[in-house]
């Protein structure tokens, strides 16, 4: 499969002024989620085997995980309480004693995030707008347009009409991928200190895993 084309999402002016190196990268692909084939489950087991307590302790000192920790603090999130996605996955692996397979999309995102430390989110392309970017929430805003209320001045992934996802990777229920989804939008937030090649690798890994055999 050829590498998917990446597009840069829009950034709200206020955010761009405060964080000039902040970016949202997107790619749209034709893909469906399903039960993961054996090769993907094997890859998860191999990843789990490389993650131990020492790995988790030292992970945050690596350049990319550290960059997201720094950004978390800059936007008012305590990364020791509300962990970055890669740290959360690593800690969950320790607690569970492995990395269980859930479905092909979730497994692909887990693989990409653990291998690159770049969090990836997935949206149903038919349930979101054409223009997707990053902005701050306003007063009285609800997640996904009709979900739970959100705090003001929180950075979110949004389209022209509504919030779609949070920095944590949580996607609004009404906008996420389901069994009926046939077209997806994959996205990854780039912060200061994270090279573009890491973001590209994360998105390409998810896209390639989804399009693999089986």
N, C-alpha and C. Protein backbone atom coordinates (compact mmCIF):
# COMPACT_ATOMS: atom_id res chain seq x y z
N UNK A 1 0.84 -1.20 0.00
CA UNK A 1 0.00 0.00 0.00
C UNK A 1 0.87 1.24 0.00
N UNK A 2 0.57 2.22 -0.85
CA UNK A 2 1.31 3.48 -0.88
C UNK A 2 1.01 4.27 0.39
N UNK A 3 1.99 5.06 0.84
CA UNK A 3 1.78 5.86 2.03
C UNK A 3 0.63 6.83 1.79
N UNK A 4 -0.31 6.94 2.73
CA UNK A 4 -1.44 7.84 2.53
C UNK A 4 -1.00 9.29 2.55
N UNK A 5 -1.75 10.13 1.86
CA UNK A 5 -1.43 11.55 1.81
C UNK A 5 -1.83 12.22 3.12
N UNK A 6 -0.91 13.01 3.67
CA UNK A 6 -1.18 13.71 4.91
C UNK A 6 -1.57 15.16 4.62
N UNK A 7 -2.52 15.65 5.39
CA UNK A 7 -2.95 17.04 5.29
C UNK A 7 -2.85 17.69 6.66
N UNK A 8 -2.54 18.97 6.68
CA UNK A 8 -2.42 19.69 7.94
C UNK A 8 -3.76 20.35 8.26
N UNK A 9 -4.25 20.08 9.47
CA UNK A 9 -5.51 20.67 9.88
C UNK A 9 -5.33 22.13 10.26
N UNK A 10 -6.45 22.85 10.37
CA UNK A 10 -6.38 24.25 10.76
C UNK A 10 -6.13 24.37 12.26
N UNK A 11 -5.57 25.50 12.66
CA UNK A 11 -5.31 25.80 14.06
C UNK A 11 -5.93 27.15 14.39
N UNK A 12 -6.69 27.19 15.45
CA UNK A 12 -7.28 28.44 15.91
C UNK A 12 -6.18 29.47 16.16
N UNK A 13 -6.44 30.72 15.81
CA UNK A 13 -5.43 31.77 15.89
C UNK A 13 -4.85 31.90 17.29
N UNK A 14 -5.70 31.84 18.31
CA UNK A 14 -5.22 31.96 19.69
C UNK A 14 -4.24 30.85 20.04
N UNK A 15 -4.55 29.64 19.63
CA UNK A 15 -3.66 28.52 19.89
C UNK A 15 -2.35 28.66 19.10
N UNK A 16 -2.46 29.08 17.88
CA UNK A 16 -1.28 29.21 17.02
C UNK A 16 -0.30 30.23 17.58
N UNK A 17 -0.83 31.32 18.14
CA UNK A 17 0.03 32.34 18.72
C UNK A 17 0.73 31.82 19.98
N UNK A 18 0.02 31.05 20.78
CA UNK A 18 0.60 30.55 22.02
C UNK A 18 1.52 29.35 21.79
N UNK A 19 1.16 28.49 20.82
CA UNK A 19 1.94 27.29 20.54
C UNK A 19 2.24 27.22 19.04
N UNK A 20 3.22 27.99 18.57
CA UNK A 20 3.47 28.06 17.12
C UNK A 20 3.89 26.74 16.48
N UNK A 21 4.36 25.79 17.27
CA UNK A 21 4.78 24.50 16.70
C UNK A 21 3.70 23.43 16.83
N UNK A 22 2.54 23.81 17.31
CA UNK A 22 1.43 22.86 17.43
C UNK A 22 0.82 22.60 16.06
N UNK A 23 0.53 21.34 15.77
CA UNK A 23 -0.05 20.99 14.47
C UNK A 23 -0.93 19.76 14.61
N UNK A 24 -1.90 19.66 13.73
CA UNK A 24 -2.75 18.47 13.62
C UNK A 24 -2.58 17.93 12.21
N UNK A 25 -2.16 16.67 12.11
CA UNK A 25 -1.98 16.03 10.81
C UNK A 25 -3.05 14.98 10.61
N UNK A 26 -3.61 14.95 9.40
CA UNK A 26 -4.75 14.11 9.09
C UNK A 26 -4.53 13.32 7.82
N UNK A 27 -5.16 12.17 7.75
CA UNK A 27 -5.22 11.44 6.50
C UNK A 27 -6.55 10.71 6.43
N UNK A 28 -7.11 10.63 5.26
CA UNK A 28 -8.40 9.96 5.05
C UNK A 28 -8.15 8.68 4.27
N UNK A 29 -8.71 7.59 4.79
CA UNK A 29 -8.49 6.28 4.16
C UNK A 29 -9.81 5.52 4.06
N UNK A 30 -9.88 4.63 3.09
CA UNK A 30 -10.99 3.69 2.98
C UNK A 30 -10.60 2.44 3.75
N UNK A 31 -11.28 2.19 4.85
CA UNK A 31 -10.91 1.03 5.67
C UNK A 31 -12.05 0.68 6.61
N UNK A 32 -12.07 -0.58 7.01
CA UNK A 32 -13.04 -1.05 8.00
C UNK A 32 -12.28 -1.71 9.15
N UNK A 33 -12.87 -1.63 10.33
CA UNK A 33 -12.32 -2.38 11.45
C UNK A 33 -12.99 -3.76 11.48
N UNK A 34 -12.30 -4.70 12.08
CA UNK A 34 -12.80 -6.07 12.18
C UNK A 34 -11.96 -6.77 13.25
N UNK A 35 -12.17 -8.05 13.42
CA UNK A 35 -11.30 -8.80 14.32
C UNK A 35 -9.89 -8.81 13.75
N UNK A 36 -8.90 -8.66 14.61
CA UNK A 36 -7.52 -8.60 14.14
C UNK A 36 -7.03 -9.96 13.65
N UNK A 37 -6.31 -9.99 12.54
CA UNK A 37 -5.73 -11.24 12.06
C UNK A 37 -4.57 -11.68 12.95
N UNK A 38 -4.11 -12.87 12.73
CA UNK A 38 -3.05 -13.45 13.57
C UNK A 38 -1.79 -12.60 13.59
N UNK A 39 -1.39 -12.04 12.45
CA UNK A 39 -0.17 -11.25 12.39
C UNK A 39 -0.24 -10.04 13.31
N UNK A 40 -1.39 -9.42 13.40
CA UNK A 40 -1.54 -8.25 14.26
C UNK A 40 -1.52 -8.68 15.73
N UNK A 41 -2.19 -9.78 16.05
CA UNK A 41 -2.18 -10.27 17.43
C UNK A 41 -0.77 -10.66 17.87
N UNK A 42 -0.02 -11.23 16.94
CA UNK A 42 1.38 -11.58 17.23
C UNK A 42 2.20 -10.33 17.49
N UNK A 43 1.96 -9.31 16.72
CA UNK A 43 2.68 -8.05 16.90
C UNK A 43 2.38 -7.44 18.27
N UNK A 44 1.14 -7.53 18.71
CA UNK A 44 0.78 -7.04 20.04
C UNK A 44 1.52 -7.82 21.13
N UNK A 45 1.59 -9.13 20.98
CA UNK A 45 2.30 -9.94 21.98
C UNK A 45 3.78 -9.58 22.03
N UNK A 46 4.36 -9.35 20.86
CA UNK A 46 5.78 -8.97 20.83
C UNK A 46 6.00 -7.62 21.48
N UNK A 47 5.09 -6.68 21.24
CA UNK A 47 5.18 -5.37 21.88
C UNK A 47 5.06 -5.51 23.40
N UNK A 48 4.11 -6.30 23.83
CA UNK A 48 3.91 -6.50 25.27
C UNK A 48 5.16 -7.07 25.92
N UNK A 49 5.84 -7.95 25.20
CA UNK A 49 7.04 -8.57 25.75
C UNK A 49 8.18 -7.60 25.94
N UNK A 50 8.14 -6.47 25.23
CA UNK A 50 9.22 -5.48 25.36
C UNK A 50 8.93 -4.45 26.45
N UNK A 51 7.72 -4.47 26.99
CA UNK A 51 7.35 -3.45 27.97
C UNK A 51 7.35 -4.05 29.36
N UNK A 52 8.25 -3.56 30.21
CA UNK A 52 8.29 -3.98 31.60
C UNK A 52 8.34 -2.73 32.49
N UNK A 53 8.42 -2.94 33.78
CA UNK A 53 8.40 -1.81 34.69
C UNK A 53 9.52 -0.83 34.44
N UNK A 54 10.72 -1.33 34.18
CA UNK A 54 11.86 -0.46 33.91
C UNK A 54 11.63 0.37 32.66
N UNK A 55 11.04 -0.27 31.65
CA UNK A 55 10.75 0.43 30.39
C UNK A 55 9.78 1.58 30.63
N UNK A 56 8.75 1.34 31.43
CA UNK A 56 7.75 2.38 31.68
C UNK A 56 8.35 3.54 32.45
N UNK A 57 9.20 3.24 33.44
CA UNK A 57 9.83 4.29 34.25
C UNK A 57 10.69 5.19 33.39
N UNK A 58 11.45 4.60 32.47
CA UNK A 58 12.38 5.39 31.67
C UNK A 58 11.77 5.94 30.40
N UNK A 59 10.58 5.46 30.02
CA UNK A 59 9.95 5.90 28.79
C UNK A 59 9.78 7.41 28.74
N UNK A 60 9.32 7.99 29.84
CA UNK A 60 9.01 9.42 29.85
C UNK A 60 10.22 10.30 29.61
N UNK A 61 11.42 9.73 29.74
CA UNK A 61 12.63 10.50 29.51
C UNK A 61 13.02 10.53 28.03
N UNK A 62 12.41 9.67 27.23
CA UNK A 62 12.68 9.68 25.79
C UNK A 62 12.09 10.95 25.18
N UNK A 63 12.65 11.37 24.07
CA UNK A 63 12.34 12.70 23.52
C UNK A 63 10.85 12.90 23.22
N UNK A 64 10.23 11.95 22.52
CA UNK A 64 8.84 12.16 22.10
C UNK A 64 7.88 12.06 23.29
N UNK A 65 7.96 11.02 24.13
CA UNK A 65 7.08 11.01 25.30
C UNK A 65 7.28 12.24 26.19
N UNK A 66 8.53 12.67 26.33
CA UNK A 66 8.81 13.85 27.15
C UNK A 66 8.16 15.10 26.56
N UNK A 67 8.18 15.22 25.25
CA UNK A 67 7.58 16.39 24.59
C UNK A 67 6.09 16.48 24.89
N UNK A 68 5.40 15.33 24.85
CA UNK A 68 3.96 15.35 25.16
C UNK A 68 3.72 15.63 26.64
N UNK A 69 4.59 15.13 27.53
CA UNK A 69 4.45 15.44 28.95
C UNK A 69 4.59 16.95 29.18
N UNK A 70 5.57 17.55 28.54
CA UNK A 70 5.77 18.99 28.68
C UNK A 70 4.54 19.75 28.18
N UNK A 71 4.02 19.35 27.04
CA UNK A 71 2.84 20.04 26.49
C UNK A 71 1.64 19.85 27.40
N UNK A 72 1.46 18.64 27.93
CA UNK A 72 0.35 18.39 28.87
C UNK A 72 0.39 19.43 29.99
N UNK A 73 1.58 19.64 30.57
CA UNK A 73 1.70 20.59 31.68
C UNK A 73 1.43 22.02 31.22
N UNK A 74 1.86 22.34 30.01
CA UNK A 74 1.65 23.69 29.49
C UNK A 74 0.18 24.02 29.33
N UNK A 75 -0.63 23.02 29.06
CA UNK A 75 -2.06 23.26 28.87
C UNK A 75 -2.88 22.90 30.12
N UNK A 76 -2.19 22.70 31.23
CA UNK A 76 -2.88 22.51 32.49
C UNK A 76 -3.28 21.09 32.83
N UNK A 77 -2.68 20.11 32.17
CA UNK A 77 -2.97 18.69 32.46
C UNK A 77 -1.78 18.11 33.21
N UNK A 78 -2.03 17.44 34.32
CA UNK A 78 -0.96 16.79 35.08
C UNK A 78 -0.70 15.41 34.46
N UNK A 79 0.44 15.21 33.80
CA UNK A 79 0.68 13.92 33.12
C UNK A 79 0.89 12.76 34.08
N UNK A 80 1.09 13.05 35.36
CA UNK A 80 1.23 11.98 36.33
C UNK A 80 -0.14 11.49 36.82
N UNK A 81 -1.15 12.31 36.59
CA UNK A 81 -2.53 11.93 36.95
C UNK A 81 -3.32 11.53 35.71
N UNK A 82 -3.32 12.41 34.72
CA UNK A 82 -3.96 12.13 33.42
C UNK A 82 -2.86 11.84 32.42
N UNK A 83 -2.47 10.59 32.34
CA UNK A 83 -1.29 10.21 31.56
C UNK A 83 -1.45 10.48 30.07
N UNK A 84 -0.34 10.72 29.41
CA UNK A 84 -0.35 10.81 27.95
C UNK A 84 -0.73 9.44 27.40
N UNK A 85 -1.26 9.38 26.18
CA UNK A 85 -1.71 8.08 25.65
C UNK A 85 -0.68 6.97 25.67
N UNK A 86 0.58 7.26 25.32
CA UNK A 86 1.57 6.18 25.29
C UNK A 86 1.86 5.67 26.69
N UNK A 87 1.93 6.57 27.68
CA UNK A 87 2.17 6.12 29.04
C UNK A 87 0.97 5.34 29.58
N UNK A 88 -0.22 5.78 29.23
CA UNK A 88 -1.42 5.08 29.68
C UNK A 88 -1.44 3.64 29.14
N UNK A 89 -1.10 3.48 27.87
CA UNK A 89 -1.08 2.14 27.27
C UNK A 89 -0.03 1.26 27.93
N UNK A 90 1.14 1.85 28.21
CA UNK A 90 2.22 1.07 28.82
C UNK A 90 1.85 0.63 30.23
N UNK A 91 1.24 1.52 31.00
CA UNK A 91 0.83 1.18 32.36
C UNK A 91 -0.28 0.13 32.33
N UNK A 92 -1.21 0.26 31.38
CA UNK A 92 -2.27 -0.74 31.25
C UNK A 92 -1.69 -2.11 30.92
N UNK A 93 -0.63 -2.12 30.11
CA UNK A 93 0.01 -3.41 29.80
C UNK A 93 0.55 -4.07 31.07
N UNK A 94 1.17 -3.27 31.96
CA UNK A 94 1.69 -3.82 33.20
C UNK A 94 0.56 -4.35 34.08
N UNK A 95 -0.51 -3.61 34.17
CA UNK A 95 -1.63 -4.01 35.02
C UNK A 95 -2.31 -5.27 34.50
N UNK A 96 -2.43 -5.36 33.17
CA UNK A 96 -3.14 -6.50 32.57
C UNK A 96 -2.24 -7.70 32.36
N UNK A 97 -0.93 -7.50 32.41
CA UNK A 97 -0.02 -8.60 32.14
C UNK A 97 0.14 -8.91 30.67
N UNK A 98 -0.35 -8.04 29.82
CA UNK A 98 -0.27 -8.22 28.37
C UNK A 98 -1.06 -7.14 27.68
N UNK A 99 -1.18 -7.25 26.36
CA UNK A 99 -1.98 -6.31 25.59
C UNK A 99 -3.04 -7.11 24.85
N UNK A 100 -4.25 -7.15 25.36
CA UNK A 100 -5.30 -7.94 24.71
C UNK A 100 -5.72 -7.32 23.37
N UNK A 101 -6.03 -8.18 22.44
CA UNK A 101 -6.54 -7.70 21.15
C UNK A 101 -8.01 -7.33 21.31
N UNK A 102 -8.39 -6.15 20.78
CA UNK A 102 -9.77 -5.69 20.88
C UNK A 102 -10.46 -5.74 19.50
N UNK A 103 -9.90 -5.05 18.57
CA UNK A 103 -10.36 -5.08 17.18
C UNK A 103 -9.24 -4.48 16.36
N UNK A 104 -9.34 -4.56 15.05
CA UNK A 104 -8.21 -4.17 14.21
C UNK A 104 -7.85 -2.70 14.36
N UNK A 105 -8.85 -1.82 14.43
CA UNK A 105 -8.53 -0.40 14.57
C UNK A 105 -7.86 -0.10 15.91
N UNK A 106 -8.47 -0.55 16.99
CA UNK A 106 -7.87 -0.30 18.31
C UNK A 106 -6.48 -0.89 18.41
N UNK A 107 -6.30 -2.08 17.86
CA UNK A 107 -4.98 -2.71 17.89
C UNK A 107 -3.97 -1.92 17.06
N UNK A 108 -4.40 -1.42 15.90
CA UNK A 108 -3.51 -0.63 15.05
C UNK A 108 -3.08 0.65 15.76
N UNK A 109 -4.03 1.31 16.43
CA UNK A 109 -3.71 2.54 17.16
C UNK A 109 -2.77 2.23 18.33
N UNK A 110 -3.01 1.12 19.02
CA UNK A 110 -2.13 0.73 20.12
C UNK A 110 -0.71 0.48 19.63
N UNK A 111 -0.57 -0.25 18.55
CA UNK A 111 0.75 -0.54 17.97
C UNK A 111 1.45 0.76 17.58
N UNK A 112 0.76 1.62 16.87
CA UNK A 112 1.37 2.87 16.40
C UNK A 112 1.79 3.75 17.57
N UNK A 113 0.94 3.85 18.58
CA UNK A 113 1.24 4.72 19.71
C UNK A 113 2.41 4.19 20.53
N UNK A 114 2.44 2.88 20.77
CA UNK A 114 3.53 2.31 21.55
C UNK A 114 4.85 2.35 20.78
N UNK A 115 4.81 2.22 19.47
CA UNK A 115 6.04 2.20 18.69
C UNK A 115 6.60 3.59 18.42
N UNK A 116 5.75 4.61 18.38
CA UNK A 116 6.22 5.96 18.05
C UNK A 116 6.03 6.96 19.17
N UNK A 117 5.21 6.63 20.16
CA UNK A 117 4.83 7.53 21.27
C UNK A 117 3.91 8.66 20.81
N UNK A 118 3.48 8.61 19.55
CA UNK A 118 2.57 9.63 19.02
C UNK A 118 1.14 9.09 19.10
N UNK A 119 0.24 9.78 19.80
CA UNK A 119 -1.15 9.31 19.88
C UNK A 119 -1.89 9.52 18.56
N UNK A 120 -2.70 8.54 18.19
CA UNK A 120 -3.47 8.60 16.96
C UNK A 120 -4.95 8.45 17.30
N UNK A 121 -5.79 9.24 16.68
CA UNK A 121 -7.24 9.11 16.85
C UNK A 121 -7.87 8.77 15.51
N UNK A 122 -9.04 8.15 15.57
CA UNK A 122 -9.74 7.74 14.35
C UNK A 122 -11.19 8.19 14.42
N UNK A 123 -11.67 8.78 13.33
CA UNK A 123 -13.04 9.27 13.22
C UNK A 123 -13.71 8.62 12.02
N UNK A 124 -15.04 8.54 12.07
CA UNK A 124 -15.80 8.09 10.91
C UNK A 124 -15.86 9.26 9.93
N UNK A 125 -15.29 9.11 8.76
CA UNK A 125 -15.19 10.21 7.80
C UNK A 125 -16.56 10.70 7.34
N UNK A 126 -17.58 9.85 7.41
CA UNK A 126 -18.92 10.24 6.98
C UNK A 126 -19.71 10.95 8.08
N UNK A 127 -19.13 11.04 9.29
CA UNK A 127 -19.83 11.65 10.41
C UNK A 127 -19.16 12.94 10.89
N UNK A 128 -18.16 13.38 10.15
CA UNK A 128 -17.45 14.61 10.52
C UNK A 128 -17.37 15.53 9.30
N UNK A 129 -17.03 16.79 9.55
CA UNK A 129 -16.94 17.76 8.47
C UNK A 129 -15.68 17.60 7.64
N UNK A 130 -15.59 18.40 6.60
CA UNK A 130 -14.44 18.33 5.70
C UNK A 130 -13.22 19.03 6.28
N UNK A 131 -13.45 20.03 7.12
CA UNK A 131 -12.36 20.82 7.69
C UNK A 131 -12.22 20.50 9.17
N UNK A 132 -11.08 19.92 9.53
CA UNK A 132 -10.84 19.49 10.91
C UNK A 132 -9.59 20.17 11.44
N UNK A 133 -9.65 20.62 12.69
CA UNK A 133 -8.51 21.32 13.25
C UNK A 133 -8.52 21.32 14.76
N UNK A 134 -7.76 22.25 15.35
CA UNK A 134 -7.62 22.37 16.80
C UNK A 134 -8.10 23.73 17.25
N UNK A 135 -8.85 23.77 18.32
CA UNK A 135 -9.31 25.04 18.89
C UNK A 135 -9.61 24.86 20.36
N UNK A 136 -9.95 25.96 21.02
CA UNK A 136 -10.35 25.94 22.42
C UNK A 136 -11.87 25.88 22.52
N UNK A 137 -12.36 25.19 23.53
CA UNK A 137 -13.81 25.11 23.72
C UNK A 137 -14.36 26.43 24.25
N UNK A 138 -15.61 26.67 23.93
CA UNK A 138 -16.31 27.84 24.42
C UNK A 138 -17.27 27.49 25.53
N UNK A 139 -18.01 28.47 25.97
CA UNK A 139 -18.96 28.27 27.07
C UNK A 139 -20.12 27.39 26.62
N UNK A 140 -20.53 26.46 27.48
CA UNK A 140 -21.69 25.63 27.22
C UNK A 140 -21.52 24.62 26.11
N UNK A 141 -20.29 24.30 25.75
CA UNK A 141 -20.07 23.38 24.64
C UNK A 141 -20.17 21.93 25.12
N UNK A 142 -20.73 21.07 24.26
CA UNK A 142 -20.89 19.66 24.59
C UNK A 142 -20.05 18.79 23.66
N UNK A 143 -19.58 17.69 24.20
CA UNK A 143 -18.72 16.78 23.46
C UNK A 143 -19.48 16.16 22.30
N UNK A 144 -18.97 16.32 21.11
CA UNK A 144 -19.61 15.74 19.94
C UNK A 144 -20.86 16.47 19.48
N UNK A 145 -21.21 17.56 20.15
CA UNK A 145 -22.40 18.32 19.79
C UNK A 145 -23.56 18.07 20.72
N UNK A 146 -23.68 16.84 21.23
CA UNK A 146 -24.81 16.52 22.10
C UNK A 146 -24.41 15.63 23.27
N UNK A 147 -23.11 15.48 23.51
CA UNK A 147 -22.63 14.64 24.60
C UNK A 147 -22.49 15.41 25.90
N UNK A 148 -21.57 14.99 26.73
CA UNK A 148 -21.42 15.61 28.04
C UNK A 148 -20.85 17.03 27.91
N UNK A 149 -21.15 17.90 28.87
CA UNK A 149 -20.61 19.26 28.84
C UNK A 149 -19.08 19.24 28.98
N UNK A 150 -18.41 20.16 28.30
CA UNK A 150 -16.96 20.28 28.37
C UNK A 150 -16.58 21.57 29.10
N UNK A 151 -15.45 21.54 29.77
CA UNK A 151 -14.94 22.75 30.40
C UNK A 151 -14.54 23.76 29.33
N UNK A 152 -14.53 25.02 29.70
CA UNK A 152 -14.11 26.06 28.76
C UNK A 152 -12.59 26.07 28.61
N UNK A 153 -12.15 26.56 27.45
CA UNK A 153 -10.73 26.77 27.17
C UNK A 153 -9.92 25.49 27.22
N UNK A 154 -10.54 24.40 26.76
CA UNK A 154 -9.85 23.12 26.63
C UNK A 154 -9.53 22.90 25.15
N UNK A 155 -8.34 22.43 24.85
CA UNK A 155 -7.97 22.17 23.46
C UNK A 155 -8.69 20.92 22.98
N UNK A 156 -9.36 21.04 21.84
CA UNK A 156 -10.08 19.90 21.26
C UNK A 156 -9.84 19.82 19.77
N UNK A 157 -10.03 18.63 19.24
CA UNK A 157 -10.11 18.43 17.80
C UNK A 157 -11.55 18.71 17.40
N UNK A 158 -11.76 19.52 16.38
CA UNK A 158 -13.11 19.92 16.01
C UNK A 158 -13.24 20.06 14.50
N UNK A 159 -14.48 19.99 14.03
CA UNK A 159 -14.74 20.34 12.63
C UNK A 159 -15.44 21.69 12.60
N UNK A 160 -16.12 21.99 11.53
CA UNK A 160 -16.75 23.30 11.41
C UNK A 160 -17.88 23.51 12.41
N UNK A 161 -18.45 22.43 12.94
CA UNK A 161 -19.66 22.54 13.74
C UNK A 161 -19.55 22.07 15.18
N UNK A 162 -18.60 21.18 15.50
CA UNK A 162 -18.63 20.56 16.82
C UNK A 162 -17.27 20.01 17.21
N UNK A 163 -17.14 19.72 18.52
CA UNK A 163 -15.95 19.03 18.99
C UNK A 163 -16.01 17.56 18.60
N UNK A 164 -14.85 17.01 18.27
CA UNK A 164 -14.79 15.62 17.82
C UNK A 164 -13.99 14.72 18.75
N UNK A 165 -12.93 15.27 19.35
CA UNK A 165 -12.05 14.45 20.18
C UNK A 165 -11.27 15.34 21.14
N UNK A 166 -10.75 14.70 22.19
CA UNK A 166 -9.93 15.38 23.19
C UNK A 166 -8.47 15.03 22.98
N UNK A 167 -7.57 15.78 23.61
CA UNK A 167 -6.14 15.50 23.50
C UNK A 167 -5.80 14.11 24.02
N UNK A 168 -6.59 13.62 24.96
CA UNK A 168 -6.36 12.30 25.53
C UNK A 168 -6.55 11.19 24.50
N UNK A 169 -7.17 11.51 23.37
CA UNK A 169 -7.48 10.52 22.35
C UNK A 169 -8.92 10.08 22.38
N UNK A 170 -9.67 10.49 23.41
CA UNK A 170 -11.08 10.11 23.49
C UNK A 170 -11.86 10.76 22.35
N UNK A 171 -12.64 9.97 21.64
CA UNK A 171 -13.42 10.45 20.51
C UNK A 171 -14.90 10.50 20.91
N UNK A 172 -15.59 11.55 20.49
CA UNK A 172 -17.02 11.66 20.76
C UNK A 172 -17.74 10.45 20.20
N UNK A 173 -18.63 9.89 21.01
CA UNK A 173 -19.30 8.64 20.64
C UNK A 173 -20.00 8.74 19.29
N UNK A 174 -20.59 9.89 19.01
CA UNK A 174 -21.35 10.05 17.78
C UNK A 174 -20.47 10.22 16.54
N UNK A 175 -19.14 10.36 16.74
CA UNK A 175 -18.23 10.64 15.62
C UNK A 175 -17.19 9.55 15.41
N UNK A 176 -17.20 8.55 16.27
CA UNK A 176 -16.17 7.54 16.19
C UNK A 176 -16.47 6.43 15.19
N UNK A 177 -15.50 5.57 15.03
CA UNK A 177 -15.60 4.45 14.09
C UNK A 177 -16.48 3.35 14.69
N UNK A 178 -17.36 2.80 13.87
CA UNK A 178 -18.22 1.68 14.26
C UNK A 178 -18.06 0.55 13.24
N UNK A 179 -18.81 -0.51 13.43
CA UNK A 179 -18.75 -1.63 12.47
C UNK A 179 -19.24 -1.22 11.09
N UNK A 180 -20.05 -0.16 11.02
CA UNK A 180 -20.58 0.29 9.74
C UNK A 180 -19.62 1.21 8.99
N UNK A 181 -18.59 1.68 9.67
CA UNK A 181 -17.68 2.65 9.07
C UNK A 181 -16.90 2.02 7.92
N UNK A 182 -16.84 2.75 6.80
CA UNK A 182 -16.04 2.28 5.66
C UNK A 182 -14.99 3.31 5.25
N UNK A 183 -15.11 4.52 5.79
CA UNK A 183 -14.11 5.57 5.51
C UNK A 183 -13.73 6.22 6.83
N UNK A 184 -12.44 6.38 7.05
CA UNK A 184 -11.94 6.93 8.30
C UNK A 184 -11.09 8.18 8.08
N UNK A 185 -11.08 9.02 9.10
CA UNK A 185 -10.11 10.10 9.20
C UNK A 185 -9.19 9.76 10.36
N UNK A 186 -7.90 9.63 10.09
CA UNK A 186 -6.91 9.41 11.14
C UNK A 186 -6.23 10.73 11.44
N UNK A 187 -5.98 11.01 12.71
CA UNK A 187 -5.35 12.26 13.08
C UNK A 187 -4.31 12.08 14.16
N UNK A 188 -3.31 12.96 14.17
CA UNK A 188 -2.27 12.94 15.19
C UNK A 188 -1.85 14.38 15.48
N UNK A 189 -1.75 14.71 16.77
CA UNK A 189 -1.34 16.03 17.20
C UNK A 189 0.17 16.06 17.37
N UNK A 190 0.81 17.02 16.73
CA UNK A 190 2.26 17.22 16.84
C UNK A 190 2.52 18.42 17.74
N UNK A 191 3.41 18.25 18.73
CA UNK A 191 3.77 19.34 19.63
C UNK A 191 5.26 19.62 19.51
N UNK A 192 5.70 20.70 20.13
CA UNK A 192 7.11 21.07 20.08
C UNK A 192 7.98 19.93 20.59
N UNK A 193 9.00 19.59 19.83
CA UNK A 193 9.91 18.51 20.20
C UNK A 193 9.60 17.18 19.56
N UNK A 194 8.47 17.09 18.86
CA UNK A 194 8.10 15.85 18.17
C UNK A 194 8.38 16.02 16.68
N UNK A 195 9.29 15.26 16.11
CA UNK A 195 9.60 15.41 14.68
C UNK A 195 8.44 14.93 13.81
N UNK A 196 8.32 15.56 12.66
CA UNK A 196 7.24 15.19 11.75
C UNK A 196 7.34 13.73 11.33
N UNK A 197 8.54 13.21 11.19
CA UNK A 197 8.70 11.83 10.76
C UNK A 197 8.05 10.86 11.74
N UNK A 198 8.04 11.20 13.04
CA UNK A 198 7.38 10.35 14.03
C UNK A 198 5.88 10.37 13.85
N UNK A 199 5.33 11.55 13.54
CA UNK A 199 3.89 11.67 13.30
C UNK A 199 3.51 10.90 12.04
N UNK A 200 4.30 11.05 11.00
CA UNK A 200 4.03 10.33 9.76
C UNK A 200 4.06 8.83 9.99
N UNK A 201 5.05 8.37 10.73
CA UNK A 201 5.17 6.93 10.99
C UNK A 201 3.96 6.40 11.75
N UNK A 202 3.48 7.18 12.72
CA UNK A 202 2.32 6.75 13.50
C UNK A 202 1.09 6.60 12.61
N UNK A 203 0.82 7.61 11.79
CA UNK A 203 -0.36 7.56 10.92
C UNK A 203 -0.22 6.47 9.87
N UNK A 204 0.95 6.34 9.30
CA UNK A 204 1.17 5.31 8.29
C UNK A 204 1.05 3.92 8.89
N UNK A 205 1.51 3.74 10.13
CA UNK A 205 1.41 2.43 10.78
C UNK A 205 -0.04 2.02 10.94
N UNK A 206 -0.89 2.95 11.38
CA UNK A 206 -2.30 2.62 11.53
C UNK A 206 -2.92 2.28 10.17
N UNK A 207 -2.66 3.14 9.19
CA UNK A 207 -3.24 2.92 7.86
C UNK A 207 -2.77 1.59 7.26
N UNK A 208 -1.49 1.28 7.41
CA UNK A 208 -0.94 0.06 6.85
C UNK A 208 -1.50 -1.18 7.56
N UNK A 209 -1.65 -1.09 8.87
CA UNK A 209 -2.20 -2.22 9.63
C UNK A 209 -3.64 -2.49 9.23
N UNK A 210 -4.41 -1.43 9.04
CA UNK A 210 -5.80 -1.59 8.65
C UNK A 210 -5.95 -2.20 7.25
N UNK A 211 -5.00 -1.95 6.40
CA UNK A 211 -5.09 -2.42 5.02
C UNK A 211 -4.37 -3.75 4.81
N UNK A 212 -3.82 -4.31 5.86
CA UNK A 212 -3.05 -5.54 5.73
C UNK A 212 -3.92 -6.74 5.40
N UNK A 213 -3.30 -7.88 5.12
CA UNK A 213 -4.06 -9.08 4.76
C UNK A 213 -4.86 -9.61 5.94
N UNK A 214 -5.92 -10.32 5.62
CA UNK A 214 -6.72 -10.95 6.66
C UNK A 214 -7.95 -10.17 6.97
